[in-house]
Amino acid sequence: MEIKFKGKVNQVFNLDNTLAYEYIKVPTLTRSHVNMAQARKHPKYHGLANSDLFPNILKRISKEKFNQGIIKLNNIPDGVKVDTSKFLAVVSFVA
């Protein structure tokens, strides 16, 4: 199942005003971020896609993938795609 969200690219600078890194804050994932048609067909999550437990599953997926709650653009996790060509970056990955 594909999970997709948008976020602003933020910058962190060193004391000498050189760029340290850029990052995107990971939002709290909800059903609106998930392709629900794929979630209902997913071998692992199909029975829980329409249940009240699904937000907790999304929270666990987010914590496993992005343990700090941010995505550093110089250290993107495996399987995560980040498109920074527009004002808001589009982040997508398959769970």
C-alpha atoms as a PDB file:
ATOM      1  CA  MET A   1       0.000   0.000   0.000  1.00  0.00           C
ATOM      2  CA  GLU A   2       1.330   3.398  -0.951  1.00  0.00           C
ATOM      3  CA  ILE A   3       1.571   6.177   1.619  1.00  0.00           C
ATOM      4  CA  LYS A   4       2.080   9.738   0.360  1.00  0.00           C
ATOM      5  CA  PHE A   5       2.304  13.131   2.035  1.00  0.00           C
ATOM      6  CA  LYS A   6       3.590  16.635   1.376  1.00  0.00           C
ATOM      7  CA  GLY A   7       5.895  18.704   3.523  1.00  0.00           C
ATOM      8  CA  LYS A   8       7.968  21.853   3.522  1.00  0.00           C
ATOM      9  CA  VAL A   9      11.737  21.504   3.150  1.00  0.00           C
ATOM     10  CA  ASN A  10      13.378  23.145   6.167  1.00  0.00           C
ATOM     11  CA  GLN A  11      17.055  24.008   6.512  1.00  0.00           C
ATOM     12  CA  VAL A  12      19.402  23.771   9.491  1.00  0.00           C
ATOM     13  CA  PHE A  13      22.543  25.897   9.503  1.00  0.00           C
ATOM     14  CA  ASN A  14      25.848  25.584  11.323  1.00  0.00           C
ATOM     15  CA  LEU A  15      27.171  28.428  13.485  1.00  0.00           C
ATOM     16  CA  ASP A  16      29.205  29.750  10.547  1.00  0.00           C
ATOM     17  CA  ASN A  17      26.028  29.984   8.389  1.00  0.00           C
ATOM     18  CA  THR A  18      26.868  26.995   6.204  1.00  0.00           C
ATOM     19  CA  LEU A  19      24.052  24.568   5.455  1.00  0.00           C
ATOM     20  CA  ALA A  20      24.170  21.578   7.820  1.00  0.00           C
ATOM     21  CA  TYR A  21      21.237  19.626   6.366  1.00  0.00           C
ATOM     22  CA  GLU A  22      17.721  19.899   4.989  1.00  0.00           C
ATOM     23  CA  TYR A  23      14.775  18.001   6.413  1.00  0.00           C
ATOM     24  CA  ILE A  24      11.042  17.394   6.071  1.00  0.00           C
ATOM     25  CA  LYS A  25       8.869  16.939   9.148  1.00  0.00           C
ATOM     26  CA  VAL A  26       6.753  13.768   8.993  1.00  0.00           C
ATOM     27  CA  PRO A  27       3.089  14.505   9.791  1.00  0.00           C
ATOM     28  CA  THR A  28       0.822  12.219  11.790  1.00  0.00           C
ATOM     29  CA  LEU A  29      -0.225   9.722   9.140  1.00  0.00           C
ATOM     30  CA  THR A  30      -3.963   9.283   8.602  1.00  0.00           C
ATOM     31  CA  ARG A  31      -6.203   7.456   6.165  1.00  0.00           C
ATOM     32  CA  SER A  32      -6.032  10.455   3.828  1.00  0.00           C
ATOM     33  CA  HIS A  33      -2.311   9.758   3.264  1.00  0.00           C
ATOM     34  CA  VAL A  34      -2.933   6.119   2.304  1.00  0.00           C
ATOM     35  CA  ASN A  35      -4.139   4.622  -0.948  1.00  0.00           C
ATOM     36  CA  MET A  36      -7.050   2.814   0.715  1.00  0.00           C
ATOM     37  CA  ALA A  37      -7.838   0.637  -2.313  1.00  0.00           C
ATOM     38  CA  GLN A  38      -4.345  -0.830  -2.018  1.00  0.00           C
ATOM     39  CA  ALA A  39      -4.666  -1.095   1.775  1.00  0.00           C
ATOM     40  CA  ARG A  40      -7.844  -3.164   1.468  1.00  0.00           C
ATOM     41  CA  LYS A  41      -6.000  -5.595  -0.843  1.00  0.00           C
ATOM     42  CA  HIS A  42      -2.763  -5.681   1.175  1.00  0.00           C
ATOM     43  CA  PRO A  43      -1.934  -9.207   2.424  1.00  0.00           C
ATOM     44  CA  LYS A  44      -1.031  -7.994   5.926  1.00  0.00           C
ATOM     45  CA  TYR A  45      -3.323  -5.004   6.512  1.00  0.00           C
ATOM     46  CA  HIS A  46      -6.455  -5.868   4.502  1.00  0.00           C
ATOM     47  CA  GLY A  47      -8.502  -6.915   7.540  1.00  0.00           C
ATOM     48  CA  LEU A  48      -7.568  -3.804   9.509  1.00  0.00           C
ATOM     49  CA  ALA A  49      -7.866  -1.169   6.777  1.00  0.00           C
ATOM     50  CA  ASN A  50     -11.431  -0.227   7.747  1.00  0.00           C
ATOM     51  CA  SER A  51     -11.066  -0.762  11.484  1.00  0.00           C
ATOM     52  CA  ASP A  52     -10.442   1.651  14.347  1.00  0.00           C
ATOM     53  CA  LEU A  53      -6.986   0.067  14.749  1.00  0.00           C
ATOM     54  CA  PHE A  54      -5.719   1.424  11.416  1.00  0.00           C
ATOM     55  CA  PRO A  55      -4.460   4.782  12.826  1.00  0.00           C
ATOM     56  CA  ASN A  56      -2.308   2.843  15.312  1.00  0.00           C
ATOM     57  CA  ILE A  57      -0.902   0.749  12.482  1.00  0.00           C
ATOM     58  CA  LEU A  58      -0.005   3.934  10.585  1.00  0.00           C
ATOM     59  CA  LYS A  59       1.660   5.327  13.715  1.00  0.00           C
ATOM     60  CA  ARG A  60       3.766   2.155  14.024  1.00  0.00           C
ATOM     61  CA  ILE A  61       4.721   2.249  10.326  1.00  0.00           C
ATOM     62  CA  SER A  62       5.763   5.892  10.693  1.00  0.00           C
ATOM     63  CA  LYS A  63       7.839   5.184  13.789  1.00  0.00           C
ATOM     64  CA  GLU A  64       9.610   2.232  12.130  1.00  0.00           C
ATOM     65  CA  LYS A  65      10.368   4.158   8.941  1.00  0.00           C
ATOM     66  CA  PHE A  66      11.103   7.614  10.396  1.00  0.00           C
ATOM     67  CA  ASN A  67      12.164   7.091  13.998  1.00  0.00           C
ATOM     68  CA  GLN A  68      13.018  10.768  14.613  1.00  0.00           C
ATOM     69  CA  GLY A  69       9.864  12.167  13.018  1.00  0.00           C
ATOM     70  CA  ILE A  70      11.862  13.864  10.267  1.00  0.00           C
ATOM     71  CA  ILE A  71      13.399  12.899   6.944  1.00  0.00           C
ATOM     72  CA  LYS A  72      16.892  14.275   6.445  1.00  0.00           C
ATOM     73  CA  LEU A  73      17.358  14.812   2.723  1.00  0.00           C
ATOM     74  CA  ASN A  74      21.014  13.770   2.927  1.00  0.00           C
ATOM     75  CA  ASN A  75      19.981  10.462   4.563  1.00  0.00           C
ATOM     76  CA  ILE A  76      16.678   9.311   3.038  1.00  0.00           C
ATOM     77  CA  PRO A  77      15.524   5.870   4.306  1.00  0.00           C
ATOM     78  CA  ASP A  78      15.440   2.937   1.890  1.00  0.00           C
ATOM     79  CA  GLY A  79      12.279   2.708  -0.189  1.00  0.00           C
ATOM     80  CA  VAL A  80      11.294   6.346   0.370  1.00  0.00           C
ATOM     81  CA  LYS A  81      10.961   8.668  -2.632  1.00  0.00           C
ATOM     82  CA  VAL A  82      11.211  12.425  -2.161  1.00  0.00           C
ATOM     83  CA  ASP A  83      10.329  14.870  -4.956  1.00  0.00           C
ATOM     84  CA  THR A  84      11.566  18.373  -4.116  1.00  0.00           C
ATOM     85  CA  SER A  85      10.850  19.920  -7.522  1.00  0.00           C
ATOM     86  CA  LYS A  86       7.897  21.990  -6.242  1.00  0.00           C
ATOM     87  CA  PHE A  87       7.332  24.281  -3.249  1.00  0.00           C
ATOM     88  CA  LEU A  88       6.123  21.403  -1.077  1.00  0.00           C
ATOM     89  CA  ALA A  89       8.117  18.204  -1.287  1.00  0.00           C
ATOM     90  CA  VAL A  90       6.151  15.030  -2.014  1.00  0.00           C
ATOM     91  CA  VAL A  91       7.203  12.005   0.025  1.00  0.00           C
ATOM     92  CA  SER A  92       5.963   8.535  -0.908  1.00  0.00           C
ATOM     93  CA  PHE A  93       6.780   5.001   0.145  1.00  0.00           C
ATOM     94  CA  VAL A  94       5.274   1.543   0.103  1.00  0.00           C
ATOM     95  CA  ALA A  95       4.457  -0.215   3.356  1.00  0.00           C
END
